[in-house]
Amino acid sequence: REEYADRGLAMPDGSYPIRDVGDLKNAIQAFGRAKNKPAVKRHIKKRARALGRTDLIPDNWQKS
Protein backbone atom coordinates (compact mmCIF):
# COMPACT_ATOMS: atom_id res chain seq x y z
CA ARG A 1 0.00 0.00 0.00
CA GLU A 2 2.91 2.36 0.63
CA GLU A 3 4.07 1.84 -2.95
CA TYR A 4 0.54 2.48 -4.22
CA ALA A 5 0.42 5.69 -2.18
CA ASP A 6 3.76 6.80 -3.63
CA ARG A 7 2.45 6.13 -7.16
CA GLY A 8 -0.85 7.96 -6.52
CA LEU A 9 -2.92 4.78 -6.71
CA ALA A 10 -3.95 5.06 -3.04
CA MET A 11 -4.47 7.77 -0.46
CA PRO A 12 -1.26 9.04 1.21
CA ASP A 13 -1.85 6.65 4.14
CA GLY A 14 -2.28 3.70 1.76
CA SER A 15 -6.04 3.47 2.13
CA TYR A 16 -8.38 3.21 -0.84
CA PRO A 17 -5.93 1.59 -3.29
CA ILE A 18 -7.46 1.77 -6.77
CA ARG A 19 -5.45 -0.13 -9.38
CA ASP A 20 -8.28 -1.21 -11.67
CA VAL A 21 -12.02 -0.99 -12.26
CA GLY A 22 -12.73 -3.64 -9.63
CA ASP A 23 -10.86 -1.60 -7.03
CA LEU A 24 -12.72 1.51 -8.19
CA LYS A 25 -16.08 -0.17 -7.63
CA ASN A 26 -14.98 -1.39 -4.19
CA ALA A 27 -13.77 2.09 -3.21
CA ILE A 28 -17.07 3.68 -4.24
CA GLN A 29 -18.93 1.09 -2.17
CA ALA A 30 -16.65 1.65 0.84
CA PHE A 31 -16.88 5.45 0.64
CA GLY A 32 -19.46 5.60 3.44
CA ARG A 33 -16.84 4.39 5.91
CA ALA A 34 -14.33 7.11 4.99
CA LYS A 35 -13.17 9.41 7.76
CA ASN A 36 -12.12 12.25 5.45
CA LYS A 37 -14.94 12.06 2.90
CA PRO A 38 -13.93 15.08 0.74
CA ALA A 39 -10.36 13.80 0.29
CA VAL A 40 -11.49 10.24 -0.43
CA LYS A 41 -14.07 11.48 -2.93
CA ARG A 42 -11.39 13.53 -4.74
CA HIS A 43 -9.11 10.50 -4.84
CA ILE A 44 -11.83 8.19 -6.19
CA LYS A 45 -12.85 10.71 -8.85
CA LYS A 46 -9.20 11.23 -9.88
CA ARG A 47 -8.62 7.49 -10.24
CA ALA A 48 -11.91 7.08 -12.14
CA ARG A 49 -10.71 9.71 -14.64
CA ALA A 50 -7.35 7.96 -14.96
CA LEU A 51 -9.08 4.64 -15.64
CA GLY A 52 -11.52 6.23 -18.08
CA ARG A 53 -14.49 5.13 -16.01
CA THR A 54 -16.09 8.33 -14.75
CA ASP A 55 -19.38 6.67 -15.68
CA LEU A 56 -19.08 4.67 -12.44
CA ILE A 57 -19.09 7.78 -10.25
CA PRO A 58 -22.48 8.17 -8.54
CA ASP A 59 -24.61 10.95 -10.05
CA ASN A 60 -24.85 12.79 -6.74
CA TRP A 61 -21.02 13.14 -6.66
CA GLN A 62 -20.81 15.12 -9.91
CA LYS A 63 -21.38 18.50 -8.29
CA SER A 64 -19.09 17.97 -5.32
PDB file of N, CA and C in Angstrom:
ATOM      1  N   ARG A   1       0.821  -1.199   0.000  1.00  0.00           N
ATOM      2  CA  ARG A   1       0.000   0.000   0.000  1.00  0.00           C
ATOM      3  C   ARG A   1       0.861   1.258   0.000  1.00  0.00           C
ATOM      4  N   GLU A   2       2.014   1.198   0.637  1.00  0.00           N
ATOM      5  CA  GLU A   2       2.908   2.360   0.630  1.00  0.00           C
ATOM      6  C   GLU A   2       3.351   2.674  -0.793  1.00  0.00           C
ATOM      7  N   GLU A   3       3.672   1.634  -1.549  1.00  0.00           N
ATOM      8  CA  GLU A   3       4.068   1.837  -2.948  1.00  0.00           C
ATOM      9  C   GLU A   3       2.909   2.439  -3.748  1.00  0.00           C
ATOM     10  N   TYR A   4       1.696   1.937  -3.513  1.00  0.00           N
ATOM     11  CA  TYR A   4       0.537   2.483  -4.218  1.00  0.00           C
ATOM     12  C   TYR A   4       0.331   3.951  -3.866  1.00  0.00           C
ATOM     13  N   ALA A   5       0.546   4.304  -2.606  1.00  0.00           N
ATOM     14  CA  ALA A   5       0.418   5.694  -2.182  1.00  0.00           C
ATOM     15  C   ALA A   5       1.459   6.556  -2.898  1.00  0.00           C
ATOM     16  N   ASP A   6       2.690   6.057  -2.962  1.00  0.00           N
ATOM     17  CA  ASP A   6       3.760   6.796  -3.634  1.00  0.00           C
ATOM     18  C   ASP A   6       3.450   7.015  -5.115  1.00  0.00           C
ATOM     19  N   ARG A   7       2.782   6.053  -5.732  1.00  0.00           N
ATOM     20  CA  ARG A   7       2.454   6.134  -7.157  1.00  0.00           C
ATOM     21  C   ARG A   7       1.122   6.837  -7.417  1.00  0.00           C
ATOM     22  N   GLY A   8       0.419   7.258  -6.353  1.00  0.00           N
ATOM     23  CA  GLY A   8      -0.849   7.956  -6.518  1.00  0.00           C
ATOM     24  C   GLY A   8      -2.034   7.031  -6.725  1.00  0.00           C
ATOM     25  N   LEU A   9      -1.832   5.742  -6.530  1.00  0.00           N
ATOM     26  CA  LEU A   9      -2.921   4.781  -6.707  1.00  0.00           C
ATOM     27  C   LEU A   9      -3.751   4.609  -5.440  1.00  0.00           C
ATOM     28  N   ALA A  10      -3.253   5.141  -4.321  1.00  0.00           N
ATOM     29  CA  ALA A  10      -3.949   5.057  -3.036  1.00  0.00           C
ATOM     30  C   ALA A  10      -3.818   6.397  -2.331  1.00  0.00           C
ATOM     31  N   MET A  11      -4.583   6.561  -1.276  1.00  0.00           N
ATOM     32  CA  MET A  11      -4.473   7.768  -0.463  1.00  0.00           C
ATOM     33  C   MET A  11      -3.066   7.795   0.162  1.00  0.00           C
ATOM     34  N   PRO A  12      -2.609   8.956   0.635  1.00  0.00           N
ATOM     35  CA  PRO A  12      -1.263   9.043   1.210  1.00  0.00           C
ATOM     36  C   PRO A  12      -0.990   8.027   2.329  1.00  0.00           C
ATOM     37  N   ASP A  13      -2.036   7.636   3.073  1.00  0.00           N
ATOM     38  CA  ASP A  13      -1.849   6.653   4.145  1.00  0.00           C
ATOM     39  C   ASP A  13      -1.973   5.218   3.651  1.00  0.00           C
ATOM     40  N   GLY A  14      -2.168   5.039   2.339  1.00  0.00           N
ATOM     41  CA  GLY A  14      -2.276   3.702   1.764  1.00  0.00           C
ATOM     42  C   GLY A  14      -3.698   3.176   1.663  1.00  0.00           C
ATOM     43  N   SER A  15      -4.651   3.926   2.203  1.00  0.00           N
ATOM     44  CA  SER A  15      -6.035   3.474   2.127  1.00  0.00           C
ATOM     45  C   SER A  15      -6.616   3.736   0.737  1.00  0.00           C
ATOM     46  N   TYR A  16      -7.682   3.077   0.435  1.00  0.00           N
ATOM     47  CA  TYR A  16      -8.384   3.205  -0.838  1.00  0.00           C
ATOM     48  C   TYR A  16      -7.461   3.006  -2.047  1.00  0.00           C
ATOM     49  N   PRO A  17      -6.751   1.866  -2.091  1.00  0.00           N
ATOM     50  CA  PRO A  17      -5.935   1.594  -3.285  1.00  0.00           C
ATOM     51  C   PRO A  17      -6.854   1.292  -4.468  1.00  0.00           C
ATOM     52  N   ILE A  18      -6.628   1.956  -5.581  1.00  0.00           N
ATOM     53  CA  ILE A  18      -7.464   1.770  -6.770  1.00  0.00           C
ATOM     54  C   ILE A  18      -6.535   1.523  -7.959  1.00  0.00           C
ATOM     55  N   ARG A  19      -6.319   0.243  -8.269  1.00  0.00           N
ATOM     56  CA  ARG A  19      -5.455  -0.126  -9.378  1.00  0.00           C
ATOM     57  C   ARG A  19      -6.240  -0.378 -10.651  1.00  0.00           C
ATOM     58  N   ASP A  20      -7.484  -0.817 -10.503  1.00  0.00           N
ATOM     59  CA  ASP A  20      -8.275  -1.207 -11.668  1.00  0.00           C
ATOM     60  C   ASP A  20      -9.749  -0.921 -11.415  1.00  0.00           C
ATOM     61  N   VAL A  21     -10.594  -1.289 -12.363  1.00  0.00           N
ATOM     62  CA  VAL A  21     -12.024  -0.989 -12.260  1.00  0.00           C
ATOM     63  C   VAL A  21     -12.656  -1.712 -11.073  1.00  0.00           C
ATOM     64  N   GLY A  22     -12.208  -2.919 -10.795  1.00  0.00           N
ATOM     65  CA  GLY A  22     -12.730  -3.644  -9.633  1.00  0.00           C
ATOM     66  C   GLY A  22     -12.449  -2.897  -8.343  1.00  0.00           C
ATOM     67  N   ASP A  23     -11.225  -2.392  -8.213  1.00  0.00           N
ATOM     68  CA  ASP A  23     -10.860  -1.600  -7.029  1.00  0.00           C
ATOM     69  C   ASP A  23     -11.685  -0.318  -6.969  1.00  0.00           C
ATOM     70  N   LEU A  24     -11.924   0.286  -8.133  1.00  0.00           N
ATOM     71  CA  LEU A  24     -12.721   1.512  -8.186  1.00  0.00           C
ATOM     72  C   LEU A  24     -14.126   1.257  -7.657  1.00  0.00           C
ATOM     73  N   LYS A  25     -14.737   0.181  -8.102  1.00  0.00           N
ATOM     74  CA  LYS A  25     -16.084  -0.169  -7.633  1.00  0.00           C
ATOM     75  C   LYS A  25     -16.093  -0.422  -6.133  1.00  0.00           C
ATOM     76  N   ASN A  26     -15.079  -1.118  -5.632  1.00  0.00           N
ATOM     77  CA  ASN A  26     -14.979  -1.387  -4.193  1.00  0.00           C
ATOM     78  C   ASN A  26     -14.816  -0.093  -3.400  1.00  0.00           C
ATOM     79  N   ALA A  27     -14.001   0.824  -3.908  1.00  0.00           N
ATOM     80  CA  ALA A  27     -13.768   2.087  -3.209  1.00  0.00           C
ATOM     81  C   ALA A  27     -15.053   2.913  -3.146  1.00  0.00           C
ATOM     82  N   ILE A  28     -15.805   2.935  -4.235  1.00  0.00           N
ATOM     83  CA  ILE A  28     -17.066   3.682  -4.243  1.00  0.00           C
ATOM     84  C   ILE A  28     -18.020   3.083  -3.219  1.00  0.00           C
ATOM     85  N   GLN A  29     -18.057   1.761  -3.142  1.00  0.00           N
ATOM     86  CA  GLN A  29     -18.928   1.095  -2.170  1.00  0.00           C
ATOM     87  C   GLN A  29     -18.485   1.381  -0.736  1.00  0.00           C
ATOM     88  N   ALA A  30     -17.182   1.455  -0.507  1.00  0.00           N
ATOM     89  CA  ALA A  30     -16.647   1.647   0.841  1.00  0.00           C
ATOM     90  C   ALA A  30     -16.618   3.114   1.253  1.00  0.00           C
ATOM     91  N   PHE A  31     -16.986   4.019   0.369  1.00  0.00           N
ATOM     92  CA  PHE A  31     -16.884   5.450   0.641  1.00  0.00           C
ATOM     93  C   PHE A  31     -17.592   5.862   1.932  1.00  0.00           C
ATOM     94  N   GLY A  32     -18.704   5.244   2.241  1.00  0.00           N
ATOM     95  CA  GLY A  32     -19.462   5.602   3.444  1.00  0.00           C
ATOM     96  C   GLY A  32     -18.680   5.443   4.730  1.00  0.00           C
ATOM     97  N   ARG A  33     -17.661   4.623   4.710  1.00  0.00           N
ATOM     98  CA  ARG A  33     -16.840   4.394   5.908  1.00  0.00           C
ATOM     99  C   ARG A  33     -15.657   5.349   6.004  1.00  0.00           C
ATOM    100  N   ALA A  34     -15.486   6.208   5.011  1.00  0.00           N
ATOM    101  CA  ALA A  34     -14.330   7.113   4.986  1.00  0.00           C
ATOM    102  C   ALA A  34     -14.397   8.112   6.132  1.00  0.00           C
ATOM    103  N   LYS A  35     -13.241   8.404   6.703  1.00  0.00           N
ATOM    104  CA  LYS A  35     -13.169   9.413   7.764  1.00  0.00           C
ATOM    105  C   LYS A  35     -13.079  10.811   7.163  1.00  0.00           C
ATOM    106  N   ASN A  36     -12.285  10.956   6.116  1.00  0.00           N
ATOM    107  CA  ASN A  36     -12.122  12.248   5.455  1.00  0.00           C
ATOM    108  C   ASN A  36     -12.820  12.156   4.091  1.00  0.00           C
ATOM    109  N   LYS A  37     -14.136  12.274   4.104  1.00  0.00           N
ATOM    110  CA  LYS A  37     -14.937  12.062   2.902  1.00  0.00           C
ATOM    111  C   LYS A  37     -14.543  12.961   1.721  1.00  0.00           C
ATOM    112  N   PRO A  38     -14.309  14.258   1.908  1.00  0.00           N
ATOM    113  CA  PRO A  38     -13.925  15.084   0.745  1.00  0.00           C
ATOM    114  C   PRO A  38     -12.636  14.614   0.077  1.00  0.00           C
ATOM    115  N   ALA A  39     -11.641  14.249   0.865  1.00  0.00           N
ATOM    116  CA  ALA A  39     -10.361  13.803   0.295  1.00  0.00           C
ATOM    117  C   ALA A  39     -10.524  12.456  -0.409  1.00  0.00           C
ATOM    118  N   VAL A  40     -11.280  11.558   0.180  1.00  0.00           N
ATOM    119  CA  VAL A  40     -11.489  10.243  -0.427  1.00  0.00           C
ATOM    120  C   VAL A  40     -12.278  10.393  -1.723  1.00  0.00           C
ATOM    121  N   LYS A  41     -13.277  11.261  -1.717  1.00  0.00           N
ATOM    122  CA  LYS A  41     -14.072  11.482  -2.926  1.00  0.00           C
ATOM    123  C   LYS A  41     -13.198  12.042  -4.047  1.00  0.00           C
ATOM    124  N   ARG A  42     -12.316  12.989  -3.728  1.00  0.00           N
ATOM    125  CA  ARG A  42     -11.391  13.535  -4.737  1.00  0.00           C
ATOM    126  C   ARG A  42     -10.501  12.432  -5.294  1.00  0.00           C
ATOM    127  N   HIS A  43      -9.988  11.588  -4.413  1.00  0.00           N
ATOM    128  CA  HIS A  43      -9.108  10.496  -4.836  1.00  0.00           C
ATOM    129  C   HIS A  43      -9.854   9.527  -5.758  1.00  0.00           C
ATOM    130  N   ILE A  44     -11.051   9.138  -5.377  1.00  0.00           N
ATOM    131  CA  ILE A  44     -11.830   8.193  -6.186  1.00  0.00           C
ATOM    132  C   ILE A  44     -12.133   8.802  -7.549  1.00  0.00           C
ATOM    133  N   LYS A  45     -12.533  10.065  -7.577  1.00  0.00           N
ATOM    134  CA  LYS A  45     -12.849  10.714  -8.851  1.00  0.00           C
ATOM    135  C   LYS A  45     -11.602  10.829  -9.736  1.00  0.00           C
ATOM    136  N   LYS A  46     -10.461  11.124  -9.132  1.00  0.00           N
ATOM    137  CA  LYS A  46      -9.200  11.228  -9.882  1.00  0.00           C
ATOM    138  C   LYS A  46      -8.838   9.886 -10.503  1.00  0.00           C
ATOM    139  N   ARG A  47      -8.953   8.820  -9.723  1.00  0.00           N
ATOM    140  CA  ARG A  47      -8.621   7.491 -10.237  1.00  0.00           C
ATOM    141  C   ARG A  47      -9.629   7.050 -11.295  1.00  0.00           C
ATOM    142  N   ALA A  48     -10.896   7.420 -11.129  1.00  0.00           N
ATOM    143  CA  ALA A  48     -11.909   7.077 -12.140  1.00  0.00           C
ATOM    144  C   ALA A  48     -11.561   7.746 -13.466  1.00  0.00           C
ATOM    145  N   ARG A  49     -11.129   9.013 -13.408  1.00  0.00           N
ATOM    146  CA  ARG A  49     -10.713   9.712 -14.641  1.00  0.00           C
ATOM    147  C   ARG A  49      -9.518   9.011 -15.267  1.00  0.00           C
ATOM    148  N   ALA A  50      -8.547   8.622 -14.448  1.00  0.00           N
ATOM    149  CA  ALA A  50      -7.346   7.963 -14.959  1.00  0.00           C
ATOM    150  C   ALA A  50      -7.676   6.612 -15.606  1.00  0.00           C
ATOM    151  N   LEU A  51      -8.692   5.943 -15.098  1.00  0.00           N
ATOM    152  CA  LEU A  51      -9.085   4.644 -15.638  1.00  0.00           C
ATOM    153  C   LEU A  51     -10.102   4.781 -16.767  1.00  0.00           C
ATOM    154  N   GLY A  52     -10.537   6.008 -17.029  1.00  0.00           N
ATOM    155  CA  GLY A  52     -11.522   6.226 -18.080  1.00  0.00           C
ATOM    156  C   GLY A  52     -12.894   5.695 -17.727  1.00  0.00           C
ATOM    157  N   ARG A  53     -13.220   5.683 -16.450  1.00  0.00           N
ATOM    158  CA  ARG A  53     -14.493   5.129 -16.008  1.00  0.00           C
ATOM    159  C   ARG A  53     -15.259   6.101 -15.116  1.00  0.00           C
ATOM    160  N   THR A  54     -15.322   7.345 -15.527  1.00  0.00           N
ATOM    161  CA  THR A  54     -16.093   8.327 -14.754  1.00  0.00           C
ATOM    162  C   THR A  54     -17.573   7.978 -14.750  1.00  0.00           C
ATOM    163  N   ASP A  55     -17.992   7.098 -15.653  1.00  0.00           N
ATOM    164  CA  ASP A  55     -19.384   6.668 -15.678  1.00  0.00           C
ATOM    165  C   ASP A  55     -19.773   5.902 -14.410  1.00  0.00           C
ATOM    166  N   LEU A  56     -18.801   5.408 -13.663  1.00  0.00           N
ATOM    167  CA  LEU A  56     -19.083   4.666 -12.442  1.00  0.00           C
ATOM    168  C   LEU A  56     -19.292   5.565 -11.229  1.00  0.00           C
ATOM    169  N   ILE A  57     -18.920   6.838 -11.352  1.00  0.00           N
ATOM    170  CA  ILE A  57     -19.088   7.782 -10.246  1.00  0.00           C
ATOM    171  C   ILE A  57     -20.586   8.032 -10.037  1.00  0.00           C
ATOM    172  N   PRO A  58     -21.054   7.925  -8.798  1.00  0.00           N
ATOM    173  CA  PRO A  58     -22.484   8.168  -8.545  1.00  0.00           C
ATOM    174  C   PRO A  58     -22.900   9.574  -9.014  1.00  0.00           C
ATOM    175  N   ASP A  59     -24.112   9.673  -9.527  1.00  0.00           N
ATOM    176  CA  ASP A  59     -24.610  10.947 -10.051  1.00  0.00           C
ATOM    177  C   ASP A  59     -24.560  12.060  -9.014  1.00  0.00           C
ATOM    178  N   ASN A  60     -24.839  11.750  -7.761  1.00  0.00           N
ATOM    179  CA  ASN A  60     -24.853  12.788  -6.739  1.00  0.00           C
ATOM    180  C   ASN A  60     -23.449  13.249  -6.333  1.00  0.00           C
ATOM    181  N   TRP A  61     -22.389  12.684  -6.909  1.00  0.00           N
ATOM    182  CA  TRP A  61     -21.022  13.142  -6.662  1.00  0.00           C
ATOM    183  C   TRP A  61     -20.577  14.159  -7.701  1.00  0.00           C
ATOM    184  N   GLN A  62     -21.272  14.289  -8.797  1.00  0.00           N
ATOM    185  CA  GLN A  62     -20.812  15.120  -9.910  1.00  0.00           C
ATOM    186  C   GLN A  62     -20.627  16.577  -9.516  1.00  0.00           C
ATOM    187  N   LYS A  63     -21.456  17.076  -8.643  1.00  0.00           N
ATOM    188  CA  LYS A  63     -21.379  18.497  -8.290  1.00  0.00           C
ATOM    189  C   LYS A  63     -20.414  18.761  -7.145  1.00  0.00           C
ATOM    190  N   SER A  64     -19.985  17.724  -6.458  1.00  0.00           N
ATOM    191  CA  SER A  64     -19.089  17.971  -5.320  1.00  0.00           C
ATOM    192  C   SER A  64     -17.709  17.419  -5.561  1.00  0.00           C
TER     193      SER A  64
END
